[in-house]
Amino acid sequence: MDNNQNQDPNNINIELNEVVAAGVYANLALVNHSPSEFVVDFIQLMPGVQQAKVRSRIILAPLHAKRVLAALQQNVANYEQQFGEIKEVEPFVLGGNNVQA
């Protein structure tokens, strides 16, 4: 008998190694897009330092970008319900055509 026969096809095993699990800190994200992809650069910007470093770049298909947006919106709503409203601060603006977060 095949053991995979009874498994839920929507159940995905996700591996998370120690290096990736440790994560990287980012306090700025730049988002760009083309007709075929969204590019999100997660950046660490240190106070008083002119040079910022891209810590990670994620490239997403448009459908996945929309799904990530929905997941973030739901998680922010859940967070605010549990811990209170996240207060906006003065926007940080860099030159160029990208969008910052």
PDB file of N, CA and C in Angstrom:
ATOM      1  N   MET A   1       0.844  -1.190   0.000  1.00  0.00           N
ATOM      2  CA  MET A   1       0.000   0.000   0.000  1.00  0.00           C
ATOM      3  C   MET A   1       0.888   1.251   0.000  1.00  0.00           C
ATOM      4  N   ASP A   2       0.537   2.225  -0.797  1.00  0.00           N
ATOM      5  CA  ASP A   2       1.293   3.474  -0.915  1.00  0.00           C
ATOM      6  C   ASP A   2       0.934   4.406   0.232  1.00  0.00           C
ATOM      7  N   ASN A   3       1.933   4.779   1.047  1.00  0.00           N
ATOM      8  CA  ASN A   3       1.690   5.654   2.198  1.00  0.00           C
ATOM      9  C   ASN A   3       1.307   7.070   1.788  1.00  0.00           C
ATOM     10  N   ASN A   4       1.683   7.494   0.576  1.00  0.00           N
ATOM     11  CA  ASN A   4       1.362   8.836   0.112  1.00  0.00           C
ATOM     12  C   ASN A   4      -0.097   8.975  -0.310  1.00  0.00           C
ATOM     13  N   GLN A   5      -0.779   7.837  -0.464  1.00  0.00           N
ATOM     14  CA  GLN A   5      -2.149   7.851  -0.952  1.00  0.00           C
ATOM     15  C   GLN A   5      -3.095   8.579  -0.002  1.00  0.00           C
ATOM     16  N   ASN A   6      -2.868   8.490   1.294  1.00  0.00           N
ATOM     17  CA  ASN A   6      -3.759   9.091   2.283  1.00  0.00           C
ATOM     18  C   ASN A   6      -3.337  10.495   2.701  1.00  0.00           C
ATOM     19  N   GLN A   7      -2.230  11.002   2.161  1.00  0.00           N
ATOM     20  CA  GLN A   7      -1.757  12.324   2.551  1.00  0.00           C
ATOM     21  C   GLN A   7      -2.550  13.413   1.844  1.00  0.00           C
ATOM     22  N   ASP A   8      -2.761  14.506   2.544  1.00  0.00           N
ATOM     23  CA  ASP A   8      -3.447  15.663   1.978  1.00  0.00           C
ATOM     24  C   ASP A   8      -2.547  16.301   0.923  1.00  0.00           C
ATOM     25  N   PRO A   9      -3.005  16.449  -0.313  1.00  0.00           N
ATOM     26  CA  PRO A   9      -2.153  17.036  -1.359  1.00  0.00           C
ATOM     27  C   PRO A   9      -1.842  18.510  -1.098  1.00  0.00           C
ATOM     28  N   ASN A  10      -2.594  19.175  -0.228  1.00  0.00           N
ATOM     29  CA  ASN A  10      -2.336  20.576   0.105  1.00  0.00           C
ATOM     30  C   ASN A  10      -1.347  20.726   1.246  1.00  0.00           C
ATOM     31  N   ASN A  11      -0.932  19.614   1.845  1.00  0.00           N
ATOM     32  CA  ASN A  11       0.014  19.638   2.958  1.00  0.00           C
ATOM     33  C   ASN A  11       1.432  19.632   2.393  1.00  0.00           C
ATOM     34  N   ILE A  12       2.198  20.677   2.682  1.00  0.00           N
ATOM     35  CA  ILE A  12       3.554  20.812   2.163  1.00  0.00           C
ATOM     36  C   ILE A  12       4.524  20.782   3.331  1.00  0.00           C
ATOM     37  N   ASN A  13       5.555  19.957   3.227  1.00  0.00           N
ATOM     38  CA  ASN A  13       6.621  19.955   4.220  1.00  0.00           C
ATOM     39  C   ASN A  13       7.596  21.059   3.866  1.00  0.00           C
ATOM     40  N   ILE A  14       7.853  21.952   4.814  1.00  0.00           N
ATOM     41  CA  ILE A  14       8.745  23.083   4.579  1.00  0.00           C
ATOM     42  C   ILE A  14       9.966  22.919   5.459  1.00  0.00           C
ATOM     43  N   GLU A  15      11.137  22.958   4.838  1.00  0.00           N
ATOM     44  CA  GLU A  15      12.382  22.837   5.579  1.00  0.00           C
ATOM     45  C   GLU A  15      12.919  24.229   5.890  1.00  0.00           C
ATOM     46  N   LEU A  16      13.342  24.438   7.113  1.00  0.00           N
ATOM     47  CA  LEU A  16      13.905  25.718   7.539  1.00  0.00           C
ATOM     48  C   LEU A  16      15.217  25.430   8.246  1.00  0.00           C
ATOM     49  N   ASN A  17      16.339  25.683   7.559  1.00  0.00           N
ATOM     50  CA  ASN A  17      17.632  25.402   8.190  1.00  0.00           C
ATOM     51  C   ASN A  17      17.984  26.504   9.185  1.00  0.00           C
ATOM     52  N   GLU A  18      19.004  26.263   9.980  1.00  0.00           N
ATOM     53  CA  GLU A  18      19.361  27.187  11.072  1.00  0.00           C
ATOM     54  C   GLU A  18      19.780  28.562  10.567  1.00  0.00           C
ATOM     55  N   VAL A  19      20.490  28.624   9.472  1.00  0.00           N
ATOM     56  CA  VAL A  19      20.957  29.910   8.945  1.00  0.00           C
ATOM     57  C   VAL A  19      19.771  30.770   8.521  1.00  0.00           C
ATOM     58  N   VAL A  20      18.845  30.186   7.775  1.00  0.00           N
ATOM     59  CA  VAL A  20      17.675  30.929   7.328  1.00  0.00           C
ATOM     60  C   VAL A  20      16.765  31.248   8.511  1.00  0.00           C
ATOM     61  N   ALA A  21      16.636  30.332   9.450  1.00  0.00           N
ATOM     62  CA  ALA A  21      15.776  30.535  10.617  1.00  0.00           C
ATOM     63  C   ALA A  21      16.254  31.706  11.475  1.00  0.00           C
ATOM     64  N   ALA A  22      17.547  31.978  11.477  1.00  0.00           N
ATOM     65  CA  ALA A  22      18.083  33.093  12.255  1.00  0.00           C
ATOM     66  C   ALA A  22      17.589  34.429  11.703  1.00  0.00           C
ATOM     67  N   GLY A  23      17.278  34.475  10.400  1.00  0.00           N
ATOM     68  CA  GLY A  23      16.744  35.686   9.795  1.00  0.00           C
ATOM     69  C   GLY A  23      17.794  36.777   9.652  1.00  0.00           C
ATOM     70  N   VAL A  24      17.388  37.860   9.013  1.00  0.00           N
ATOM     71  CA  VAL A  24      18.215  39.057   8.889  1.00  0.00           C
ATOM     72  C   VAL A  24      17.346  40.249   9.263  1.00  0.00           C
ATOM     73  N   TYR A  25      17.961  41.267   9.827  1.00  0.00           N
ATOM     74  CA  TYR A  25      17.235  42.471  10.224  1.00  0.00           C
ATOM     75  C   TYR A  25      17.158  43.430   9.046  1.00  0.00           C
ATOM     76  N   ALA A  26      15.983  43.986   8.828  1.00  0.00           N
ATOM     77  CA  ALA A  26      15.798  45.015   7.805  1.00  0.00           C
ATOM     78  C   ALA A  26      14.829  46.050   8.352  1.00  0.00           C
ATOM     79  N   ASN A  27      15.124  47.323   8.106  1.00  0.00           N
ATOM     80  CA  ASN A  27      14.221  48.387   8.543  1.00  0.00           C
ATOM     81  C   ASN A  27      13.771  49.261   7.373  1.00  0.00           C
ATOM     82  N   LEU A  28      13.972  48.748   6.162  1.00  0.00           N
ATOM     83  CA  LEU A  28      13.520  49.435   4.960  1.00  0.00           C
ATOM     84  C   LEU A  28      13.334  48.382   3.874  1.00  0.00           C
ATOM     85  N   ALA A  29      12.285  48.537   3.091  1.00  0.00           N
ATOM     86  CA  ALA A  29      12.083  47.651   1.943  1.00  0.00           C
ATOM     87  C   ALA A  29      11.788  48.501   0.722  1.00  0.00           C
ATOM     88  N   LEU A  30      12.429  48.170  -0.383  1.00  0.00           N
ATOM     89  CA  LEU A  30      12.169  48.830  -1.652  1.00  0.00           C
ATOM     90  C   LEU A  30      11.507  47.820  -2.571  1.00  0.00           C
ATOM     91  N   VAL A  31      10.442  48.246  -3.233  1.00  0.00           N
ATOM     92  CA  VAL A  31       9.684  47.348  -4.099  1.00  0.00           C
ATOM     93  C   VAL A  31       9.678  47.912  -5.519  1.00  0.00           C
ATOM     94  N   ASN A  32      10.048  47.095  -6.466  1.00  0.00           N
ATOM     95  CA  ASN A  32      10.004  47.427  -7.892  1.00  0.00           C
ATOM     96  C   ASN A  32       9.262  46.313  -8.608  1.00  0.00           C
ATOM     97  N   HIS A  33       8.810  46.597  -9.821  1.00  0.00           N
ATOM     98  CA  HIS A  33       8.142  45.550 -10.583  1.00  0.00           C
ATOM     99  C   HIS A  33       8.373  45.724 -12.070  1.00  0.00           C
ATOM    100  N   SER A  34       8.198  44.614 -12.767  1.00  0.00           N
ATOM    101  CA  SER A  34       8.186  44.577 -14.233  1.00  0.00           C
ATOM    102  C   SER A  34       6.904  43.839 -14.609  1.00  0.00           C
ATOM    103  N   PRO A  35       6.621  43.670 -15.877  1.00  0.00           N
ATOM    104  CA  PRO A  35       5.403  42.928 -16.237  1.00  0.00           C
ATOM    105  C   PRO A  35       5.385  41.490 -15.715  1.00  0.00           C
ATOM    106  N   SER A  36       6.566  40.918 -15.436  1.00  0.00           N
ATOM    107  CA  SER A  36       6.607  39.508 -15.064  1.00  0.00           C
ATOM    108  C   SER A  36       7.001  39.222 -13.624  1.00  0.00           C
ATOM    109  N   GLU A  37       7.429  40.248 -12.866  1.00  0.00           N
ATOM    110  CA  GLU A  37       7.886  39.967 -11.503  1.00  0.00           C
ATOM    111  C   GLU A  37       7.879  41.203 -10.621  1.00  0.00           C
ATOM    112  N   PHE A  38       7.841  40.943  -9.313  1.00  0.00           N
ATOM    113  CA  PHE A  38       8.025  41.967  -8.297  1.00  0.00           C
ATOM    114  C   PHE A  38       9.350  41.668  -7.609  1.00  0.00           C
ATOM    115  N   VAL A  39      10.130  42.711  -7.346  1.00  0.00           N
ATOM    116  CA  VAL A  39      11.409  42.553  -6.669  1.00  0.00           C
ATOM    117  C   VAL A  39      11.331  43.361  -5.375  1.00  0.00           C
ATOM    118  N   VAL A  40      11.571  42.678  -4.259  1.00  0.00           N
ATOM    119  CA  VAL A  40      11.550  43.331  -2.950  1.00  0.00           C
ATOM    120  C   VAL A  40      12.957  43.229  -2.368  1.00  0.00           C
ATOM    121  N   ASP A  41      13.586  44.384  -2.156  1.00  0.00           N
ATOM    122  CA  ASP A  41      14.896  44.446  -1.510  1.00  0.00           C
ATOM    123  C   ASP A  41      14.680  44.840  -0.056  1.00  0.00           C
ATOM    124  N   PHE A  42      15.138  43.993   0.858  1.00  0.00           N
ATOM    125  CA  PHE A  42      15.082  44.288   2.282  1.00  0.00           C
ATOM    126  C   PHE A  42      16.432  44.858   2.677  1.00  0.00           C
ATOM    127  N   ILE A  43      16.411  46.054   3.261  1.00  0.00           N
ATOM    128  CA  ILE A  43      17.618  46.845   3.484  1.00  0.00           C
ATOM    129  C   ILE A  43      17.788  47.153   4.961  1.00  0.00           C
ATOM    130  N   GLN A  44      19.046  47.151   5.392  1.00  0.00           N
ATOM    131  CA  GLN A  44      19.373  47.579   6.754  1.00  0.00           C
ATOM    132  C   GLN A  44      20.016  48.955   6.661  1.00  0.00           C
ATOM    133  N   LEU A  45      19.309  49.939   7.210  1.00  0.00           N
ATOM    134  CA  LEU A  45      19.769  51.321   7.202  1.00  0.00           C
ATOM    135  C   LEU A  45      20.117  51.703   8.637  1.00  0.00           C
ATOM    136  N   MET A  46      21.371  52.051   8.867  1.00  0.00           N
ATOM    137  CA  MET A  46      21.821  52.403  10.206  1.00  0.00           C
ATOM    138  C   MET A  46      21.792  53.924  10.376  1.00  0.00           C
ATOM    139  N   PRO A  47      21.352  54.407  11.520  1.00  0.00           N
ATOM    140  CA  PRO A  47      21.301  55.857  11.754  1.00  0.00           C
ATOM    141  C   PRO A  47      22.679  56.501  11.596  1.00  0.00           C
ATOM    142  N   GLY A  48      22.708  57.617  10.887  1.00  0.00           N
ATOM    143  CA  GLY A  48      23.938  58.381  10.728  1.00  0.00           C
ATOM    144  C   GLY A  48      24.930  57.811   9.721  1.00  0.00           C
ATOM    145  N   VAL A  49      24.564  56.735   9.061  1.00  0.00           N
ATOM    146  CA  VAL A  49      25.452  56.114   8.072  1.00  0.00           C
ATOM    147  C   VAL A  49      24.820  56.284   6.693  1.00  0.00           C
ATOM    148  N   GLN A  50      25.595  56.797   5.749  1.00  0.00           N
ATOM    149  CA  GLN A  50      25.069  57.066   4.412  1.00  0.00           C
ATOM    150  C   GLN A  50      24.910  55.800   3.578  1.00  0.00           C
ATOM    151  N   GLN A  51      25.701  54.764   3.868  1.00  0.00           N
ATOM    152  CA  GLN A  51      25.681  53.535   3.076  1.00  0.00           C
ATOM    153  C   GLN A  51      24.718  52.529   3.702  1.00  0.00           C
ATOM    154  N   ALA A  52      23.699  52.139   2.945  1.00  0.00           N
ATOM    155  CA  ALA A  52      22.753  51.117   3.396  1.00  0.00           C
ATOM    156  C   ALA A  52      23.056  49.819   2.662  1.00  0.00           C
ATOM    157  N   LYS A  53      22.754  48.687   3.284  1.00  0.00           N
ATOM    158  CA  LYS A  53      23.045  47.390   2.682  1.00  0.00           C
ATOM    159  C   LYS A  53      21.772  46.616   2.423  1.00  0.00           C
ATOM    160  N   VAL A  54      21.670  46.077   1.214  1.00  0.00           N
ATOM    161  CA  VAL A  54      20.582  45.151   0.921  1.00  0.00           C
ATOM    162  C   VAL A  54      20.927  43.849   1.631  1.00  0.00           C
ATOM    163  N   ARG A  55      20.040  43.437   2.520  1.00  0.00           N
ATOM    164  CA  ARG A  55      20.271  42.214   3.296  1.00  0.00           C
ATOM    165  C   ARG A  55      19.683  40.992   2.616  1.00  0.00           C
ATOM    166  N   SER A  56      18.619  41.209   1.828  1.00  0.00           N
ATOM    167  CA  SER A  56      17.988  40.094   1.136  1.00  0.00           C
ATOM    168  C   SER A  56      17.158  40.639  -0.017  1.00  0.00           C
ATOM    169  N   ARG A  57      17.118  39.902  -1.108  1.00  0.00           N
ATOM    170  CA  ARG A  57      16.280  40.267  -2.256  1.00  0.00           C
ATOM    171  C   ARG A  57      15.352  39.087  -2.529  1.00  0.00           C
ATOM    172  N   ILE A  58      14.071  39.382  -2.616  1.00  0.00           N
ATOM    173  CA  ILE A  58      13.064  38.371  -2.918  1.00  0.00           C
ATOM    174  C   ILE A  58      12.414  38.747  -4.246  1.00  0.00           C
ATOM    175  N   ILE A  59      12.349  37.795  -5.166  1.00  0.00           N
ATOM    176  CA  ILE A  59      11.725  38.008  -6.468  1.00  0.00           C
ATOM    177  C   ILE A  59      10.472  37.142  -6.519  1.00  0.00           C
ATOM    178  N   LEU A  60       9.333  37.788  -6.800  1.00  0.00           N
ATOM    179  CA  LEU A  60       8.037  37.114  -6.760  1.00  0.00           C
ATOM    180  C   LEU A  60       7.307  37.244  -8.086  1.00  0.00           C
ATOM    181  N   ALA A  61       6.577  36.205  -8.457  1.00  0.00           N
ATOM    182  CA  ALA A  61       5.639  36.306  -9.568  1.00  0.00           C
ATOM    183  C   ALA A  61       4.495  37.214  -9.119  1.00  0.00           C
ATOM    184  N   PRO A  62       3.822  37.908 -10.031  1.00  0.00           N
ATOM    185  CA  PRO A  62       2.740  38.823  -9.646  1.00  0.00           C
ATOM    186  C   PRO A  62       1.667  38.171  -8.757  1.00  0.00           C
ATOM    187  N   LEU A  63       1.257  36.955  -9.066  1.00  0.00           N
ATOM    188  CA  LEU A  63       0.256  36.284  -8.239  1.00  0.00           C
ATOM    189  C   LEU A  63       0.751  36.079  -6.816  1.00  0.00           C
ATOM    190  N   HIS A  64       2.018  35.694  -6.667  1.00  0.00           N
ATOM    191  CA  HIS A  64       2.563  35.489  -5.331  1.00  0.00           C
ATOM    192  C   HIS A  64       2.728  36.809  -4.590  1.00  0.00           C
ATOM    193  N   ALA A  65       3.073  37.873  -5.307  1.00  0.00           N
ATOM    194  CA  ALA A  65       3.162  39.185  -4.671  1.00  0.00           C
ATOM    195  C   ALA A  65       1.803  39.582  -4.098  1.00  0.00           C
ATOM    196  N   LYS A  66       0.739  39.321  -4.851  1.00  0.00           N
ATOM    197  CA  LYS A  66      -0.607  39.648  -4.376  1.00  0.00           C
ATOM    198  C   LYS A  66      -0.968  38.806  -3.155  1.00  0.00           C
ATOM    199  N   ARG A  67      -0.570  37.542  -3.159  1.00  0.00           N
ATOM    200  CA  ARG A  67      -0.823  36.672  -2.008  1.00  0.00           C
ATOM    201  C   ARG A  67      -0.036  37.124  -0.775  1.00  0.00           C
ATOM    202  N   VAL A  68       1.210  37.552  -0.976  1.00  0.00           N
ATOM    203  CA  VAL A  68       2.016  38.067   0.145  1.00  0.00           C
ATOM    204  C   VAL A  68       1.371  39.324   0.708  1.00  0.00           C
ATOM    205  N   LEU A  69       0.894  40.210  -0.177  1.00  0.00           N
ATOM    206  CA  LEU A  69       0.207  41.421   0.264  1.00  0.00           C
ATOM    207  C   LEU A  69      -0.997  41.070   1.134  1.00  0.00           C
ATOM    208  N   ALA A  70      -1.814  40.124   0.687  1.00  0.00           N
ATOM    209  CA  ALA A  70      -2.998  39.718   1.456  1.00  0.00           C
ATOM    210  C   ALA A  70      -2.590  39.120   2.794  1.00  0.00           C
ATOM    211  N   ALA A  71      -1.550  38.308   2.814  1.00  0.00           N
ATOM    212  CA  ALA A  71      -1.085  37.697   4.063  1.00  0.00           C
ATOM    213  C   ALA A  71      -0.564  38.763   5.028  1.00  0.00           C
ATOM    214  N   LEU A  72       0.173  39.747   4.505  1.00  0.00           N
ATOM    215  CA  LEU A  72       0.666  40.835   5.357  1.00  0.00           C
ATOM    216  C   LEU A  72      -0.489  41.671   5.905  1.00  0.00           C
ATOM    217  N   GLN A  73      -1.470  41.981   5.059  1.00  0.00           N
ATOM    218  CA  GLN A  73      -2.627  42.755   5.526  1.00  0.00           C
ATOM    219  C   GLN A  73      -3.356  42.018   6.637  1.00  0.00           C
ATOM    220  N   GLN A  74      -3.564  40.720   6.485  1.00  0.00           N
ATOM    221  CA  GLN A  74      -4.254  39.938   7.507  1.00  0.00           C
ATOM    222  C   GLN A  74      -3.440  39.872   8.792  1.00  0.00           C
ATOM    223  N   ASN A  75      -2.123  39.701   8.666  1.00  0.00           N
ATOM    224  CA  ASN A  75      -1.276  39.635   9.849  1.00  0.00           C
ATOM    225  C   ASN A  75      -1.172  40.968  10.569  1.00  0.00           C
ATOM    226  N   VAL A  76      -1.142  42.067   9.836  1.00  0.00           N
ATOM    227  CA  VAL A  76      -1.135  43.388  10.476  1.00  0.00           C
ATOM    228  C   VAL A  76      -2.454  43.603  11.212  1.00  0.00           C
ATOM    229  N   ALA A  77      -3.568  43.231  10.608  1.00  0.00           N
ATOM    230  CA  ALA A  77      -4.873  43.361  11.271  1.00  0.00           C
ATOM    231  C   ALA A  77      -4.911  42.516  12.546  1.00  0.00           C
ATOM    232  N   ASN A  78      -4.401  41.294  12.472  1.00  0.00           N
ATOM    233  CA  ASN A  78      -4.357  40.425  13.657  1.00  0.00           C
ATOM    234  C   ASN A  78      -3.463  41.022  14.740  1.00  0.00           C
ATOM    235  N   TYR A  79      -2.302  41.535  14.339  1.00  0.00           N
ATOM    236  CA  TYR A  79      -1.367  42.151  15.281  1.00  0.00           C
ATOM    237  C   TYR A  79      -2.023  43.332  15.990  1.00  0.00           C
ATOM    238  N   GLU A  80      -2.654  44.222  15.196  1.00  0.00           N
ATOM    239  CA  GLU A  80      -3.265  45.416  15.781  1.00  0.00           C
ATOM    240  C   GLU A  80      -4.437  45.054  16.692  1.00  0.00           C
ATOM    241  N   GLN A  81      -5.144  44.008  16.372  1.00  0.00           N
ATOM    242  CA  GLN A  81      -6.235  43.570  17.236  1.00  0.00           C
ATOM    243  C   GLN A  81      -5.679  43.084  18.581  1.00  0.00           C
ATOM    244  N   GLN A  82      -4.531  42.432  18.549  1.00  0.00           N
ATOM    245  CA  GLN A  82      -3.946  41.893  19.771  1.00  0.00           C
ATOM    246  C   GLN A  82      -3.145  42.932  20.550  1.00  0.00           C
ATOM    247  N   PHE A  83      -2.383  43.790  19.857  1.00  0.00           N
ATOM    248  CA  PHE A  83      -1.432  44.678  20.522  1.00  0.00           C
ATOM    249  C   PHE A  83      -1.742  46.161  20.375  1.00  0.00           C
ATOM    250  N   GLY A  84      -2.724  46.521  19.578  1.00  0.00           N
ATOM    251  CA  GLY A  84      -3.041  47.922  19.356  1.00  0.00           C
ATOM    252  C   GLY A  84      -2.488  48.418  18.032  1.00  0.00           C
ATOM    253  N   GLU A  85      -2.957  49.591  17.655  1.00  0.00           N
ATOM    254  CA  GLU A  85      -2.613  50.165  16.353  1.00  0.00           C
ATOM    255  C   GLU A  85      -1.115  50.407  16.208  1.00  0.00           C
ATOM    256  N   ILE A  86      -0.605  50.091  15.049  1.00  0.00           N
ATOM    257  CA  ILE A  86       0.780  50.411  14.707  1.00  0.00           C
ATOM    258  C   ILE A  86       0.782  51.849  14.217  1.00  0.00           C
ATOM    259  N   LYS A  87       1.497  52.718  14.906  1.00  0.00           N
ATOM    260  CA  LYS A  87       1.514  54.140  14.569  1.00  0.00           C
ATOM    261  C   LYS A  87       2.491  54.409  13.428  1.00  0.00           C
ATOM    262  N   GLU A  88       2.028  55.189  12.459  1.00  0.00           N
ATOM    263  CA  GLU A  88       2.890  55.612  11.354  1.00  0.00           C
ATOM    264  C   GLU A  88       3.833  56.705  11.851  1.00  0.00           C
ATOM    265  N   VAL A  89       5.035  56.705  11.312  1.00  0.00           N
ATOM    266  CA  VAL A  89       5.987  57.781  11.592  1.00  0.00           C
ATOM    267  C   VAL A  89       6.239  58.504  10.278  1.00  0.00           C
ATOM    268  N   GLU A  90       7.003  59.568  10.341  1.00  0.00           N
ATOM    269  CA  GLU A  90       7.316  60.326   9.136  1.00  0.00           C
ATOM    270  C   GLU A  90       7.838  59.402   8.049  1.00  0.00           C
ATOM    271  N   PRO A  91       7.333  59.513   6.833  1.00  0.00           N
ATOM    272  CA  PRO A  91       7.821  58.620   5.770  1.00  0.00           C
ATOM    273  C   PRO A  91       9.267  58.922   5.422  1.00  0.00           C
ATOM    274  N   PHE A  92      10.007  57.879   5.148  1.00  0.00           N
ATOM    275  CA  PHE A  92      11.393  57.973   4.713  1.00  0.00           C
ATOM    276  C   PHE A  92      11.390  57.894   3.201  1.00  0.00           C
ATOM    277  N   VAL A  93      11.938  58.881   2.519  1.00  0.00           N
ATOM    278  CA  VAL A  93      11.845  58.932   1.062  1.00  0.00           C
ATOM    279  C   VAL A  93      13.246  58.920   0.460  1.00  0.00           C
ATOM    280  N   LEU A  94      13.433  57.999  -0.479  1.00  0.00           N
ATOM    281  CA  LEU A  94      14.648  57.956  -1.285  1.00  0.00           C
ATOM    282  C   LEU A  94      14.283  58.366  -2.695  1.00  0.00           C
ATOM    283  N   GLY A  95      15.245  58.829  -3.459  1.00  0.00           N
ATOM    284  CA  GLY A  95      14.973  59.178  -4.850  1.00  0.00           C
ATOM    285  C   GLY A  95      14.709  57.938  -5.689  1.00  0.00           C
ATOM    286  N   GLY A  96      14.134  58.118  -6.850  1.00  0.00           N
ATOM    287  CA  GLY A  96      13.884  56.999  -7.760  1.00  0.00           C
ATOM    288  C   GLY A  96      12.423  56.700  -7.924  1.00  0.00           C
ATOM    289  N   ASN A  97      12.129  55.679  -8.709  1.00  0.00           N
ATOM    290  CA  ASN A  97      10.753  55.321  -9.026  1.00  0.00           C
ATOM    291  C   ASN A  97      10.242  54.143  -8.220  1.00  0.00           C
ATOM    292  N   ASN A  98      11.008  53.662  -7.265  1.00  0.00           N
ATOM    293  CA  ASN A  98      10.555  52.510  -6.502  1.00  0.00           C
ATOM    294  C   ASN A  98       9.687  52.968  -5.328  1.00  0.00           C
ATOM    295  N   VAL A  99       9.061  52.020  -4.712  1.00  0.00           N
ATOM    296  CA  VAL A  99       8.196  52.301  -3.564  1.00  0.00           C
ATOM    297  C   VAL A  99       8.893  51.775  -2.320  1.00  0.00           C
ATOM    298  N   GLN A 100       8.886  52.571  -1.258  1.00  0.00           N
ATOM    299  CA  GLN A 100       9.541  52.177  -0.030  1.00  0.00           C
ATOM    300  C   GLN A 100       8.525  51.788   1.027  1.00  0.00           C
ATOM    301  N   ALA A 101       8.955  50.908   1.898  1.00  0.00           N
ATOM    302  CA  ALA A 101       8.117  50.526   3.040  1.00  0.00           C
ATOM    303  C   ALA A 101       8.983  50.433   4.270  1.00  0.00           C
TER     304      ALA A 101
END
